[in-house]
Protein backbone atom coordinates (compact mmCIF):
# COMPACT_ATOMS: atom_id res chain seq x y z
CA UNK A 1 -84.17 20.06 -126.63
CA UNK A 2 -83.62 16.63 -125.12
CA UNK A 3 -81.67 16.39 -121.84
CA UNK A 4 -80.40 13.26 -120.10
CA UNK A 5 -78.14 12.42 -117.18
CA UNK A 6 -76.69 9.10 -116.22
CA UNK A 7 -73.86 6.92 -115.10
CA UNK A 8 -72.57 4.59 -117.80
CA UNK A 9 -70.47 2.32 -115.52
CA UNK A 10 -68.44 1.13 -118.48
CA UNK A 11 -71.25 -0.93 -119.99
CA UNK A 12 -71.07 -1.07 -123.77
CA UNK A 13 -74.86 -1.03 -124.19
CA UNK A 14 -75.16 2.14 -122.10
CA UNK A 15 -72.38 3.87 -124.03
CA UNK A 16 -74.11 2.92 -127.27
CA UNK A 17 -77.43 4.29 -125.98
CA UNK A 18 -75.75 7.57 -124.98
CA UNK A 19 -74.08 7.83 -128.40
CA UNK A 20 -77.42 7.17 -130.11
CA UNK A 21 -79.01 9.87 -127.94
CA UNK A 22 -76.44 12.42 -129.13
CA UNK A 23 -76.71 11.31 -132.77
CA UNK A 24 -80.52 11.46 -132.92
CA UNK A 25 -82.14 14.43 -134.70
CA UNK A 26 -82.62 17.59 -132.67
CA UNK A 27 -80.62 19.33 -129.97
CA UNK A 28 -79.42 17.13 -127.11
CA UNK A 29 -77.51 17.60 -123.85
CA UNK A 30 -76.10 14.68 -121.87
CA UNK A 31 -74.56 14.99 -118.37
CA UNK A 32 -72.32 12.15 -117.24
CA UNK A 33 -69.13 11.35 -115.27
CA UNK A 34 -65.87 12.34 -116.97
CA UNK A 35 -64.52 8.74 -117.15
CA UNK A 36 -67.45 7.79 -119.43
CA UNK A 37 -66.84 10.55 -122.00
CA UNK A 38 -64.09 8.89 -124.14
CA UNK A 39 -66.16 5.77 -124.86
CA UNK A 40 -69.21 7.81 -125.88
CA UNK A 41 -67.16 10.25 -127.97
CA UNK A 42 -65.57 7.30 -129.80
CA UNK A 43 -69.02 5.88 -130.61
CA UNK A 44 -70.42 9.27 -131.70
CA UNK A 45 -67.60 11.00 -133.61
CA UNK A 46 -68.49 14.58 -134.39
CA UNK A 47 -71.61 14.44 -132.19
CA UNK A 48 -70.08 14.84 -128.71
CA UNK A 49 -69.05 18.40 -127.87
CA UNK A 50 -68.13 19.33 -124.28
CA UNK A 51 -69.94 22.42 -123.04
CA UNK A 52 -69.37 22.29 -119.30
CA UNK A 53 -67.60 20.52 -116.44
CA UNK A 54 -68.06 20.38 -112.70
CA UNK A 55 -66.73 18.51 -109.71
CA UNK A 56 -68.80 16.00 -107.82
CA UNK A 57 -68.88 16.12 -104.02
CA UNK A 58 -69.30 12.76 -102.28
CA UNK A 59 -70.59 13.19 -98.74
CA UNK A 60 -69.69 9.97 -96.92
CA UNK A 61 -68.16 9.69 -93.46
CA UNK A 62 -65.17 7.70 -94.72
CA UNK A 63 -64.46 10.48 -97.22
CA UNK A 64 -64.96 13.33 -94.77
CA UNK A 65 -62.78 11.83 -92.02
CA UNK A 66 -60.36 9.81 -94.14
CA UNK A 67 -57.43 10.63 -96.36
CA UNK A 68 -59.39 10.60 -99.63
CA UNK A 69 -60.73 13.82 -101.02
CA UNK A 70 -64.51 14.18 -100.91
CA UNK A 71 -64.37 15.28 -104.56
CA UNK A 72 -64.49 12.75 -107.40
CA UNK A 73 -64.01 12.95 -111.13
CA UNK A 74 -66.06 15.75 -112.50
CA UNK A 75 -69.29 15.63 -114.38
CA UNK A 76 -69.29 16.67 -118.02
CA UNK A 77 -72.09 18.14 -120.13
CA UNK A 78 -71.98 17.05 -123.76
CA UNK A 79 -74.09 18.39 -126.59
CA UNK A 80 -74.53 17.44 -130.22
CA UNK A 81 -74.35 21.12 -131.29
CA UNK A 82 -70.79 22.00 -132.37
CA UNK A 83 -71.44 25.75 -132.21
CA UNK A 84 -72.34 25.47 -128.50
CA UNK A 85 -68.82 24.51 -127.39
CA UNK A 86 -66.82 26.80 -125.14
């Protein structure tokens, strides 16, 4: 099984690389921020299946003592195995 984690930052080349990772032969799991999922799923139709989600805690003083929540968009685990979905 191949496993990767990353932040796509909206770059087309990175989304294409993530889609290629999921479409390659063999089992794959990719962990990335939720905002990046739609672009990758669009590039890899039928190969991006969500198997888990989680929140991301950002520990910064401006977050801890400010009005913004210390939690950001969650992380998502995608797999290319359709039978592994929840």
